[in-house]
Amino acid sequence: MSERVVIVSLTGASGAGYGLELLKGLDSCREDGILTTVIYNDTALSIMERETGAGIDDLKKLCDDLVHTDRMDHRYASGSNPFDSMAICPCSTSTAAKVHAGISDNLTTRCASVALKERRKLVLVVRETPLSTPVLRALYELSSWGVIVMPASPPFYNLGHVTVQEVQRSFAGRVMDLLDLEYPHTARYDPGTW
């Protein structure tokens, strides 16, 4: 079995449950050779604790490598150390703008820059509304460069009466689809049951 490395970056945007559910989904793929590196910052951790109750110890259990975004000496800061894909989830608009501008001032933006220059899959789960014109322009250009821009807009079909966590879990499944990974909790559109 060959291993695949997925980087998940948690930025200081609200919607930390999206990232947490994505990490849970990736954790369920470990037996399939999926290795997960999680990049976080202090604001992301604080928001994670407030919005989900999960803390640093919970994150450590869900990944193979947990690294603070200030660690610019990490191996994935170089394109010579390949990773398969990266998801920034949730992605603040500030982070998206930095990725667009090529600003690599922390490990998250540096890994995104590596993904761009090495033509690796990069998914931005943008969590803000409404979006300003400069952000929309940046996201448009990122998309034209091959970045998958996925606003945190969860599906509600086939869900019925569900919790916020279930909606976030289903959305995480769609992110996993984009990373070419199977996840049984993904809501699929089925007009016959909706």
N, C-alpha and C. Protein backbone atom coordinates (compact mmCIF):
# COMPACT_ATOMS: atom_id res chain seq x y z
N MET A 1 0.85 -1.18 0.00
CA MET A 1 0.00 0.00 0.00
C MET A 1 0.89 1.24 0.00
N SER A 2 0.65 2.16 -0.93
CA SER A 2 1.44 3.38 -0.95
C SER A 2 0.76 4.43 -0.07
N GLU A 3 1.58 5.24 0.58
CA GLU A 3 1.04 6.26 1.47
C GLU A 3 0.79 7.55 0.69
N ARG A 4 -0.25 8.26 1.10
CA ARG A 4 -0.57 9.57 0.54
C ARG A 4 -0.59 10.57 1.67
N VAL A 5 0.06 11.70 1.46
CA VAL A 5 0.12 12.74 2.48
C VAL A 5 -0.87 13.85 2.13
N VAL A 6 -1.73 14.15 3.08
CA VAL A 6 -2.69 15.24 2.95
C VAL A 6 -2.37 16.27 4.03
N ILE A 7 -2.23 17.52 3.63
CA ILE A 7 -2.03 18.61 4.58
C ILE A 7 -3.38 19.30 4.79
N VAL A 8 -3.73 19.49 6.06
CA VAL A 8 -4.93 20.27 6.40
C VAL A 8 -4.47 21.44 7.24
N SER A 9 -4.81 22.63 6.79
CA SER A 9 -4.48 23.82 7.57
C SER A 9 -5.75 24.41 8.15
N LEU A 10 -5.69 24.71 9.44
CA LEU A 10 -6.79 25.33 10.15
C LEU A 10 -6.41 26.79 10.38
N THR A 11 -7.15 27.71 9.77
CA THR A 11 -6.84 29.13 9.94
C THR A 11 -7.81 29.76 10.92
N GLY A 12 -7.64 31.04 11.16
CA GLY A 12 -8.43 31.73 12.17
C GLY A 12 -9.80 32.17 11.71
N ALA A 13 -10.44 31.38 10.87
CA ALA A 13 -11.81 31.69 10.45
C ALA A 13 -12.79 30.91 11.30
N SER A 14 -13.99 31.45 11.45
CA SER A 14 -15.06 30.70 12.09
C SER A 14 -15.39 29.50 11.20
N GLY A 15 -16.05 28.51 11.79
CA GLY A 15 -16.37 27.30 11.03
C GLY A 15 -15.37 26.19 11.30
N ALA A 16 -14.81 26.20 12.50
CA ALA A 16 -13.79 25.20 12.86
C ALA A 16 -14.33 23.78 12.78
N GLY A 17 -15.63 23.61 12.93
CA GLY A 17 -16.22 22.27 12.85
C GLY A 17 -16.02 21.63 11.49
N TYR A 18 -15.93 22.44 10.43
CA TYR A 18 -15.65 21.89 9.11
C TYR A 18 -14.28 21.21 9.11
N GLY A 19 -13.30 21.90 9.66
CA GLY A 19 -11.96 21.33 9.74
C GLY A 19 -11.90 20.11 10.62
N LEU A 20 -12.58 20.17 11.76
CA LEU A 20 -12.58 19.03 12.69
C LEU A 20 -13.21 17.81 12.03
N GLU A 21 -14.33 17.98 11.36
CA GLU A 21 -14.98 16.84 10.70
C GLU A 21 -14.14 16.31 9.55
N LEU A 22 -13.43 17.19 8.85
CA LEU A 22 -12.52 16.74 7.80
C LEU A 22 -11.40 15.88 8.40
N LEU A 23 -10.86 16.31 9.53
CA LEU A 23 -9.81 15.53 10.19
C LEU A 23 -10.33 14.18 10.66
N LYS A 24 -11.55 14.14 11.15
CA LYS A 24 -12.15 12.86 11.54
C LYS A 24 -12.29 11.94 10.34
N GLY A 25 -12.72 12.51 9.22
CA GLY A 25 -12.84 11.72 8.00
C GLY A 25 -11.49 11.19 7.53
N LEU A 26 -10.48 12.03 7.54
CA LEU A 26 -9.14 11.60 7.14
C LEU A 26 -8.59 10.55 8.11
N ASP A 27 -8.90 10.71 9.38
CA ASP A 27 -8.47 9.72 10.38
C ASP A 27 -9.03 8.34 10.05
N SER A 28 -10.26 8.31 9.53
CA SER A 28 -10.87 7.02 9.18
C SER A 28 -10.20 6.38 7.96
N CYS A 29 -9.35 7.14 7.27
CA CYS A 29 -8.65 6.63 6.08
C CYS A 29 -7.22 6.18 6.38
N ARG A 30 -6.82 6.22 7.63
CA ARG A 30 -5.43 5.86 7.96
C ARG A 30 -5.07 4.45 7.52
N GLU A 31 -6.01 3.52 7.66
CA GLU A 31 -5.74 2.14 7.25
C GLU A 31 -5.50 2.03 5.75
N ASP A 32 -5.96 3.04 5.01
CA ASP A 32 -5.77 3.07 3.56
C ASP A 32 -4.48 3.79 3.16
N GLY A 33 -3.64 4.10 4.15
CA GLY A 33 -2.36 4.73 3.86
C GLY A 33 -2.39 6.24 3.77
N ILE A 34 -3.42 6.87 4.33
CA ILE A 34 -3.50 8.33 4.32
C ILE A 34 -2.79 8.87 5.56
N LEU A 35 -1.79 9.71 5.34
CA LEU A 35 -1.07 10.39 6.42
C LEU A 35 -1.50 11.85 6.41
N THR A 36 -1.84 12.36 7.58
CA THR A 36 -2.34 13.73 7.66
C THR A 36 -1.41 14.60 8.49
N THR A 37 -1.00 15.71 7.90
CA THR A 37 -0.27 16.75 8.62
C THR A 37 -1.23 17.91 8.83
N VAL A 38 -1.34 18.36 10.06
CA VAL A 38 -2.23 19.48 10.40
C VAL A 38 -1.38 20.69 10.77
N ILE A 39 -1.68 21.80 10.11
CA ILE A 39 -1.06 23.08 10.43
C ILE A 39 -2.13 23.93 11.11
N TYR A 40 -1.76 24.56 12.20
CA TYR A 40 -2.74 25.38 12.93
C TYR A 40 -2.06 26.66 13.41
N ASN A 41 -2.86 27.64 13.76
CA ASN A 41 -2.34 28.82 14.45
C ASN A 41 -3.11 29.00 15.75
N ASP A 42 -2.67 29.94 16.57
CA ASP A 42 -3.28 30.11 17.89
C ASP A 42 -4.75 30.51 17.79
N THR A 43 -5.08 31.36 16.84
CA THR A 43 -6.48 31.79 16.67
C THR A 43 -7.34 30.61 16.26
N ALA A 44 -6.85 29.80 15.34
CA ALA A 44 -7.60 28.61 14.90
C ALA A 44 -7.87 27.69 16.08
N LEU A 45 -6.88 27.49 16.91
CA LEU A 45 -7.05 26.61 18.07
C LEU A 45 -8.07 27.19 19.04
N SER A 46 -8.01 28.49 19.27
CA SER A 46 -8.96 29.15 20.16
C SER A 46 -10.39 29.02 19.63
N ILE A 47 -10.57 29.24 18.33
CA ILE A 47 -11.90 29.13 17.71
C ILE A 47 -12.37 27.68 17.75
N MET A 48 -11.46 26.73 17.51
CA MET A 48 -11.81 25.31 17.57
C MET A 48 -12.35 24.96 18.96
N GLU A 49 -11.68 25.43 19.98
CA GLU A 49 -12.12 25.14 21.35
C GLU A 49 -13.48 25.75 21.64
N ARG A 50 -13.69 27.00 21.20
CA ARG A 50 -14.97 27.68 21.46
C ARG A 50 -16.11 27.06 20.66
N GLU A 51 -15.87 26.74 19.40
CA GLU A 51 -16.96 26.29 18.54
C GLU A 51 -17.24 24.79 18.63
N THR A 52 -16.22 23.99 18.97
CA THR A 52 -16.43 22.53 18.96
C THR A 52 -16.11 21.85 20.29
N GLY A 53 -15.39 22.54 21.16
CA GLY A 53 -14.95 21.92 22.41
C GLY A 53 -13.68 21.10 22.25
N ALA A 54 -13.19 20.95 21.02
CA ALA A 54 -11.96 20.18 20.77
C ALA A 54 -10.75 21.06 21.00
N GLY A 55 -9.70 20.43 21.55
CA GLY A 55 -8.47 21.16 21.82
C GLY A 55 -7.28 20.50 21.15
N ILE A 56 -6.12 20.93 21.56
CA ILE A 56 -4.87 20.46 20.94
C ILE A 56 -4.70 18.95 21.08
N ASP A 57 -5.08 18.39 22.22
CA ASP A 57 -4.94 16.93 22.40
C ASP A 57 -5.86 16.17 21.45
N ASP A 58 -7.04 16.70 21.18
CA ASP A 58 -7.95 16.07 20.22
C ASP A 58 -7.35 16.10 18.82
N LEU A 59 -6.76 17.22 18.45
CA LEU A 59 -6.14 17.33 17.13
C LEU A 59 -4.99 16.34 16.98
N LYS A 60 -4.19 16.20 18.03
CA LYS A 60 -3.04 15.28 17.98
C LYS A 60 -3.49 13.85 17.67
N LYS A 61 -4.65 13.47 18.18
CA LYS A 61 -5.16 12.11 17.97
C LYS A 61 -5.65 11.89 16.53
N LEU A 62 -5.96 12.98 15.84
CA LEU A 62 -6.57 12.87 14.51
C LEU A 62 -5.57 13.03 13.36
N CYS A 63 -4.29 13.14 13.69
CA CYS A 63 -3.32 13.35 12.61
C CYS A 63 -2.01 12.65 12.92
N ASP A 64 -1.15 12.64 11.94
CA ASP A 64 0.17 12.03 12.09
C ASP A 64 1.22 13.06 12.47
N ASP A 65 0.94 14.32 12.16
CA ASP A 65 1.90 15.39 12.42
C ASP A 65 1.12 16.67 12.66
N LEU A 66 1.31 17.28 13.82
CA LEU A 66 0.64 18.52 14.18
C LEU A 66 1.70 19.59 14.33
N VAL A 67 1.59 20.66 13.55
CA VAL A 67 2.64 21.67 13.54
C VAL A 67 2.05 23.07 13.53
N HIS A 68 2.64 23.95 14.31
CA HIS A 68 2.21 25.34 14.37
C HIS A 68 2.65 26.05 13.10
N THR A 69 1.84 26.96 12.63
CA THR A 69 2.13 27.63 11.36
C THR A 69 3.39 28.50 11.41
N ASP A 70 3.89 28.81 12.61
CA ASP A 70 5.14 29.57 12.72
C ASP A 70 6.37 28.73 12.37
N ARG A 71 6.21 27.40 12.28
CA ARG A 71 7.34 26.50 12.01
C ARG A 71 7.70 26.50 10.52
N MET A 72 8.41 27.50 10.10
CA MET A 72 8.78 27.60 8.69
C MET A 72 9.88 26.62 8.29
N ASP A 73 10.45 25.93 9.28
CA ASP A 73 11.50 24.96 8.97
C ASP A 73 10.93 23.55 8.77
N HIS A 74 9.63 23.42 8.65
CA HIS A 74 9.00 22.11 8.46
C HIS A 74 9.32 21.56 7.07
N ARG A 75 9.39 20.25 6.94
CA ARG A 75 9.80 19.63 5.67
C ARG A 75 8.90 20.00 4.50
N TYR A 76 7.59 20.20 4.74
CA TYR A 76 6.70 20.50 3.62
C TYR A 76 6.76 21.95 3.17
N ALA A 77 7.63 22.75 3.80
CA ALA A 77 7.87 24.11 3.31
C ALA A 77 8.71 24.09 2.05
N SER A 78 9.21 22.91 1.70
CA SER A 78 10.02 22.76 0.48
C SER A 78 9.32 21.82 -0.49
N GLY A 79 9.33 22.19 -1.76
CA GLY A 79 8.76 21.33 -2.78
C GLY A 79 9.52 20.04 -2.97
N SER A 80 10.71 19.94 -2.39
CA SER A 80 11.48 18.70 -2.51
C SER A 80 10.92 17.57 -1.66
N ASN A 81 9.98 17.90 -0.76
CA ASN A 81 9.31 16.89 0.07
C ASN A 81 7.86 16.82 -0.39
N PRO A 82 7.54 15.85 -1.23
CA PRO A 82 6.21 15.84 -1.83
C PRO A 82 5.09 15.50 -0.85
N PHE A 83 3.98 16.18 -1.05
CA PHE A 83 2.71 15.82 -0.42
C PHE A 83 1.70 15.74 -1.56
N ASP A 84 0.61 15.04 -1.33
CA ASP A 84 -0.35 14.81 -2.41
C ASP A 84 -1.34 15.94 -2.60
N SER A 85 -1.85 16.46 -1.49
CA SER A 85 -2.87 17.49 -1.59
C SER A 85 -2.92 18.30 -0.32
N MET A 86 -3.58 19.45 -0.42
CA MET A 86 -3.71 20.33 0.74
C MET A 86 -5.10 20.93 0.76
N ALA A 87 -5.70 20.96 1.94
CA ALA A 87 -6.99 21.64 2.13
C ALA A 87 -6.82 22.66 3.25
N ILE A 88 -7.18 23.89 2.99
CA ILE A 88 -7.20 24.91 4.03
C ILE A 88 -8.66 25.02 4.45
N CYS A 89 -8.95 24.54 5.65
CA CYS A 89 -10.34 24.33 6.07
C CYS A 89 -10.51 24.56 7.56
N PRO A 90 -11.11 25.65 7.99
CA PRO A 90 -11.64 26.72 7.18
C PRO A 90 -10.51 27.65 6.72
N CYS A 91 -10.76 28.34 5.63
CA CYS A 91 -9.78 29.26 5.06
C CYS A 91 -10.27 30.69 5.24
N SER A 92 -9.53 31.47 6.00
CA SER A 92 -9.88 32.88 6.14
C SER A 92 -9.65 33.60 4.82
N THR A 93 -10.37 34.69 4.60
CA THR A 93 -10.15 35.44 3.37
C THR A 93 -8.77 36.07 3.35
N SER A 94 -8.22 36.37 4.52
CA SER A 94 -6.86 36.88 4.59
C SER A 94 -5.87 35.85 4.07
N THR A 95 -6.06 34.59 4.47
CA THR A 95 -5.18 33.52 3.98
C THR A 95 -5.34 33.35 2.48
N ALA A 96 -6.57 33.36 1.99
CA ALA A 96 -6.81 33.22 0.55
C ALA A 96 -6.12 34.35 -0.21
N ALA A 97 -6.20 35.56 0.32
CA ALA A 97 -5.57 36.71 -0.34
C ALA A 97 -4.06 36.56 -0.36
N LYS A 98 -3.49 36.06 0.72
CA LYS A 98 -2.04 35.85 0.76
C LYS A 98 -1.61 34.77 -0.24
N VAL A 99 -2.38 33.69 -0.32
CA VAL A 99 -2.06 32.63 -1.28
C VAL A 99 -2.11 33.22 -2.69
N HIS A 100 -3.12 34.02 -2.97
CA HIS A 100 -3.25 34.65 -4.28
C HIS A 100 -2.06 35.55 -4.59
N ALA A 101 -1.60 36.29 -3.60
CA ALA A 101 -0.51 37.25 -3.81
C ALA A 101 0.88 36.59 -3.75
N GLY A 102 0.92 35.31 -3.41
CA GLY A 102 2.22 34.64 -3.31
C GLY A 102 2.97 34.98 -2.04
N ILE A 103 2.26 35.43 -1.03
CA ILE A 103 2.89 35.78 0.25
C ILE A 103 3.02 34.51 1.09
N SER A 104 4.25 34.12 1.36
CA SER A 104 4.52 32.90 2.14
C SER A 104 5.10 33.28 3.49
N ASP A 105 4.28 33.91 4.32
CA ASP A 105 4.76 34.42 5.59
C ASP A 105 4.56 33.47 6.77
N ASN A 106 3.96 32.28 6.51
CA ASN A 106 3.82 31.27 7.55
C ASN A 106 3.76 29.91 6.84
N LEU A 107 3.71 28.84 7.62
CA LEU A 107 3.75 27.51 7.02
C LEU A 107 2.52 27.23 6.16
N THR A 108 1.37 27.72 6.55
CA THR A 108 0.16 27.52 5.75
C THR A 108 0.32 28.12 4.37
N THR A 109 0.67 29.40 4.32
CA THR A 109 0.79 30.06 3.01
C THR A 109 1.97 29.52 2.22
N ARG A 110 3.03 29.09 2.91
CA ARG A 110 4.17 28.50 2.20
C ARG A 110 3.79 27.17 1.56
N CYS A 111 3.09 26.31 2.31
CA CYS A 111 2.67 25.01 1.74
C CYS A 111 1.70 25.22 0.59
N ALA A 112 0.82 26.22 0.71
CA ALA A 112 -0.09 26.53 -0.40
C ALA A 112 0.70 26.99 -1.62
N SER A 113 1.74 27.78 -1.39
CA SER A 113 2.60 28.23 -2.48
C SER A 113 3.30 27.04 -3.13
N VAL A 114 3.75 26.09 -2.30
CA VAL A 114 4.38 24.88 -2.84
C VAL A 114 3.36 24.10 -3.67
N ALA A 115 2.14 23.97 -3.16
CA ALA A 115 1.10 23.25 -3.90
C ALA A 115 0.87 23.90 -5.27
N LEU A 116 0.84 25.21 -5.30
CA LEU A 116 0.64 25.92 -6.57
C LEU A 116 1.80 25.69 -7.53
N LYS A 117 3.03 25.87 -7.04
CA LYS A 117 4.17 25.78 -7.95
C LYS A 117 4.45 24.36 -8.39
N GLU A 118 4.09 23.38 -7.57
CA GLU A 118 4.32 21.97 -7.89
C GLU A 118 3.10 21.33 -8.54
N ARG A 119 2.03 22.12 -8.75
CA ARG A 119 0.79 21.65 -9.38
C ARG A 119 0.14 20.51 -8.58
N ARG A 120 0.11 20.69 -7.26
CA ARG A 120 -0.57 19.73 -6.39
C ARG A 120 -1.98 20.24 -6.09
N LYS A 121 -2.86 19.32 -5.75
CA LYS A 121 -4.24 19.70 -5.49
C LYS A 121 -4.31 20.59 -4.24
N LEU A 122 -5.02 21.72 -4.38
CA LEU A 122 -5.20 22.68 -3.30
C LEU A 122 -6.67 23.06 -3.23
N VAL A 123 -7.28 22.85 -2.06
CA VAL A 123 -8.69 23.16 -1.83
C VAL A 123 -8.77 24.24 -0.75
N LEU A 124 -9.46 25.34 -1.05
CA LEU A 124 -9.68 26.40 -0.09
C LEU A 124 -11.14 26.40 0.32
N VAL A 125 -11.42 26.09 1.58
CA VAL A 125 -12.79 26.13 2.10
C VAL A 125 -12.97 27.50 2.74
N VAL A 126 -13.38 28.45 1.90
CA VAL A 126 -13.49 29.84 2.31
C VAL A 126 -14.72 30.02 3.19
N ARG A 127 -14.50 30.65 4.36
CA ARG A 127 -15.58 30.79 5.33
C ARG A 127 -15.78 32.26 5.68
N GLU A 128 -16.47 32.96 4.80
CA GLU A 128 -16.87 34.33 5.10
C GLU A 128 -18.01 34.69 4.16
N THR A 129 -18.89 35.54 4.63
CA THR A 129 -19.97 36.02 3.78
C THR A 129 -20.44 37.37 4.30
N PRO A 130 -20.77 38.29 3.43
CA PRO A 130 -20.55 38.26 1.99
C PRO A 130 -19.06 38.40 1.68
N LEU A 131 -18.72 38.20 0.42
CA LEU A 131 -17.34 38.31 -0.02
C LEU A 131 -17.12 39.66 -0.69
N SER A 132 -16.01 40.30 -0.34
CA SER A 132 -15.69 41.59 -0.94
C SER A 132 -15.19 41.41 -2.38
N THR A 133 -15.23 42.48 -3.14
CA THR A 133 -14.77 42.42 -4.53
C THR A 133 -13.31 42.00 -4.63
N PRO A 134 -12.38 42.52 -3.80
CA PRO A 134 -11.00 42.06 -3.91
C PRO A 134 -10.85 40.56 -3.64
N VAL A 135 -11.61 40.05 -2.67
CA VAL A 135 -11.54 38.61 -2.36
C VAL A 135 -12.13 37.80 -3.51
N LEU A 136 -13.26 38.25 -4.05
CA LEU A 136 -13.85 37.55 -5.19
C LEU A 136 -12.88 37.51 -6.38
N ARG A 137 -12.19 38.61 -6.62
CA ARG A 137 -11.22 38.66 -7.72
C ARG A 137 -10.08 37.67 -7.45
N ALA A 138 -9.59 37.65 -6.21
CA ALA A 138 -8.50 36.73 -5.85
C ALA A 138 -8.96 35.28 -5.99
N LEU A 139 -10.15 34.97 -5.53
CA LEU A 139 -10.66 33.59 -5.62
C LEU A 139 -10.87 33.19 -7.08
N TYR A 140 -11.35 34.12 -7.89
CA TYR A 140 -11.52 33.84 -9.32
C TYR A 140 -10.17 33.49 -9.95
N GLU A 141 -9.16 34.29 -9.66
CA GLU A 141 -7.84 34.01 -10.24
C GLU A 141 -7.25 32.72 -9.71
N LEU A 142 -7.40 32.46 -8.41
CA LEU A 142 -6.93 31.19 -7.85
C LEU A 142 -7.59 30.02 -8.56
N SER A 143 -8.90 30.13 -8.78
CA SER A 143 -9.61 29.06 -9.48
C SER A 143 -9.07 28.88 -10.89
N SER A 144 -8.78 29.98 -11.57
CA SER A 144 -8.25 29.89 -12.93
C SER A 144 -6.87 29.25 -12.96
N TRP A 145 -6.18 29.24 -11.82
CA TRP A 145 -4.86 28.61 -11.71
C TRP A 145 -4.95 27.14 -11.28
N GLY A 146 -6.17 26.64 -11.10
CA GLY A 146 -6.34 25.24 -10.73
C GLY A 146 -6.68 24.98 -9.28
N VAL A 147 -6.73 26.03 -8.46
CA VAL A 147 -7.12 25.87 -7.06
C VAL A 147 -8.62 25.61 -7.00
N ILE A 148 -9.03 24.69 -6.14
CA ILE A 148 -10.45 24.44 -5.96
C ILE A 148 -10.95 25.34 -4.84
N VAL A 149 -11.82 26.26 -5.19
CA VAL A 149 -12.40 27.19 -4.22
C VAL A 149 -13.75 26.63 -3.81
N MET A 150 -13.87 26.27 -2.55
CA MET A 150 -15.08 25.63 -2.06
C MET A 150 -15.63 26.44 -0.88
N PRO A 151 -16.54 27.37 -1.15
CA PRO A 151 -17.13 28.11 -0.03
C PRO A 151 -17.79 27.16 0.96
N ALA A 152 -17.71 27.51 2.21
CA ALA A 152 -18.31 26.68 3.25
C ALA A 152 -19.82 26.82 3.17
N SER A 153 -20.38 26.21 2.16
CA SER A 153 -21.80 26.24 1.88
C SER A 153 -22.30 24.80 1.83
N PRO A 154 -22.72 24.27 2.96
CA PRO A 154 -23.03 22.84 3.03
C PRO A 154 -24.30 22.45 2.30
N PRO A 155 -24.35 21.21 1.85
CA PRO A 155 -25.58 20.70 1.22
C PRO A 155 -26.62 20.38 2.30
N PHE A 156 -27.87 20.56 1.96
CA PHE A 156 -28.94 20.23 2.91
C PHE A 156 -29.86 19.16 2.37
N TYR A 157 -29.67 18.72 1.11
CA TYR A 157 -30.54 17.68 0.59
C TYR A 157 -30.25 16.34 1.24
N ASN A 158 -31.27 15.56 1.34
CA ASN A 158 -31.21 14.21 1.92
C ASN A 158 -30.75 14.18 3.36
N LEU A 159 -30.85 15.29 4.06
CA LEU A 159 -30.39 15.31 5.45
C LEU A 159 -31.54 15.32 6.46
N GLY A 160 -32.68 15.86 6.10
CA GLY A 160 -33.79 15.91 7.05
C GLY A 160 -33.46 16.82 8.22
N HIS A 161 -33.88 16.43 9.40
CA HIS A 161 -33.61 17.22 10.61
C HIS A 161 -32.29 16.74 11.19
N VAL A 162 -31.27 17.58 11.06
CA VAL A 162 -29.93 17.17 11.46
C VAL A 162 -29.28 18.22 12.35
N THR A 163 -28.19 17.81 12.96
CA THR A 163 -27.43 18.72 13.80
C THR A 163 -26.40 19.48 12.95
N VAL A 164 -25.86 20.52 13.52
CA VAL A 164 -24.79 21.27 12.85
C VAL A 164 -23.61 20.34 12.57
N GLN A 165 -23.29 19.48 13.52
CA GLN A 165 -22.17 18.55 13.33
C GLN A 165 -22.41 17.62 12.14
N GLU A 166 -23.64 17.15 11.97
CA GLU A 166 -23.94 16.27 10.84
C GLU A 166 -23.81 17.02 9.51
N VAL A 167 -24.22 18.27 9.49
CA VAL A 167 -24.08 19.08 8.28
C VAL A 167 -22.59 19.28 7.97
N GLN A 168 -21.81 19.59 9.01
CA GLN A 168 -20.37 19.78 8.81
C GLN A 168 -19.70 18.47 8.38
N ARG A 169 -20.16 17.36 8.91
CA ARG A 169 -19.60 16.06 8.53
C ARG A 169 -19.88 15.77 7.06
N SER A 170 -21.10 16.05 6.63
CA SER A 170 -21.45 15.83 5.22
C SER A 170 -20.62 16.73 4.31
N PHE A 171 -20.43 17.98 4.72
CA PHE A 171 -19.61 18.90 3.94
C PHE A 171 -18.16 18.41 3.88
N ALA A 172 -17.65 17.92 5.00
CA ALA A 172 -16.29 17.37 5.02
C ALA A 172 -16.17 16.22 4.03
N GLY A 173 -17.24 15.46 3.88
CA GLY A 173 -17.24 14.38 2.89
C GLY A 173 -17.08 14.90 1.48
N ARG A 174 -17.69 16.05 1.18
CA ARG A 174 -17.52 16.66 -0.15
C ARG A 174 -16.08 17.12 -0.35
N VAL A 175 -15.46 17.66 0.71
CA VAL A 175 -14.05 18.03 0.60
C VAL A 175 -13.21 16.79 0.32
N MET A 176 -13.53 15.69 1.01
CA MET A 176 -12.80 14.45 0.78
C MET A 176 -13.00 13.95 -0.65
N ASP A 177 -14.19 14.15 -1.21
CA ASP A 177 -14.41 13.83 -2.63
C ASP A 177 -13.38 14.55 -3.49
N LEU A 178 -13.19 15.83 -3.21
CA LEU A 178 -12.26 16.64 -4.00
C LEU A 178 -10.81 16.20 -3.80
N LEU A 179 -10.53 15.57 -2.66
CA LEU A 179 -9.19 15.06 -2.39
C LEU A 179 -9.04 13.62 -2.89
N ASP A 180 -10.07 13.13 -3.59
CA ASP A 180 -10.09 11.76 -4.14
C ASP A 180 -10.06 10.69 -3.05
N LEU A 181 -10.83 10.94 -1.97
CA LEU A 181 -10.92 10.00 -0.86
C LEU A 181 -12.38 9.67 -0.59
N GLU A 182 -12.64 8.41 -0.28
CA GLU A 182 -14.02 7.99 0.00
C GLU A 182 -14.35 8.18 1.48
N TYR A 183 -15.58 8.59 1.72
CA TYR A 183 -16.05 8.83 3.08
C TYR A 183 -17.54 8.50 3.12
N PRO A 184 -17.97 7.60 3.99
CA PRO A 184 -19.35 7.14 3.98
C PRO A 184 -20.38 8.16 4.46
N HIS A 185 -19.96 9.27 5.05
CA HIS A 185 -20.91 10.23 5.60
C HIS A 185 -21.26 11.37 4.64
N THR A 186 -20.87 11.24 3.40
CA THR A 186 -21.14 12.30 2.42
C THR A 186 -22.59 12.19 1.95
N ALA A 187 -23.32 13.30 2.06
CA ALA A 187 -24.69 13.32 1.54
C ALA A 187 -24.63 13.39 0.03
N ARG A 188 -25.37 12.52 -0.63
CA ARG A 188 -25.42 12.49 -2.09
C ARG A 188 -26.81 12.91 -2.54
N TYR A 189 -26.85 13.71 -3.56
CA TYR A 189 -28.14 14.16 -4.09
C TYR A 189 -28.86 12.97 -4.72
N ASP A 190 -30.07 12.75 -4.30
CA ASP A 190 -30.91 11.68 -4.84
C ASP A 190 -32.33 12.25 -4.95
N PRO A 191 -32.72 12.66 -6.16
CA PRO A 191 -34.04 13.29 -6.31
C PRO A 191 -35.18 12.36 -5.93
N GLY A 192 -34.95 11.05 -5.95
CA GLY A 192 -36.01 10.11 -5.60
C GLY A 192 -36.32 10.08 -4.11
N THR A 193 -35.39 10.54 -3.27
CA THR A 193 -35.61 10.50 -1.82
C THR A 193 -35.69 11.88 -1.21
N TRP A 194 -35.57 12.89 -2.04
CA TRP A 194 -35.55 14.26 -1.50
C TRP A 194 -36.89 14.87 -1.57
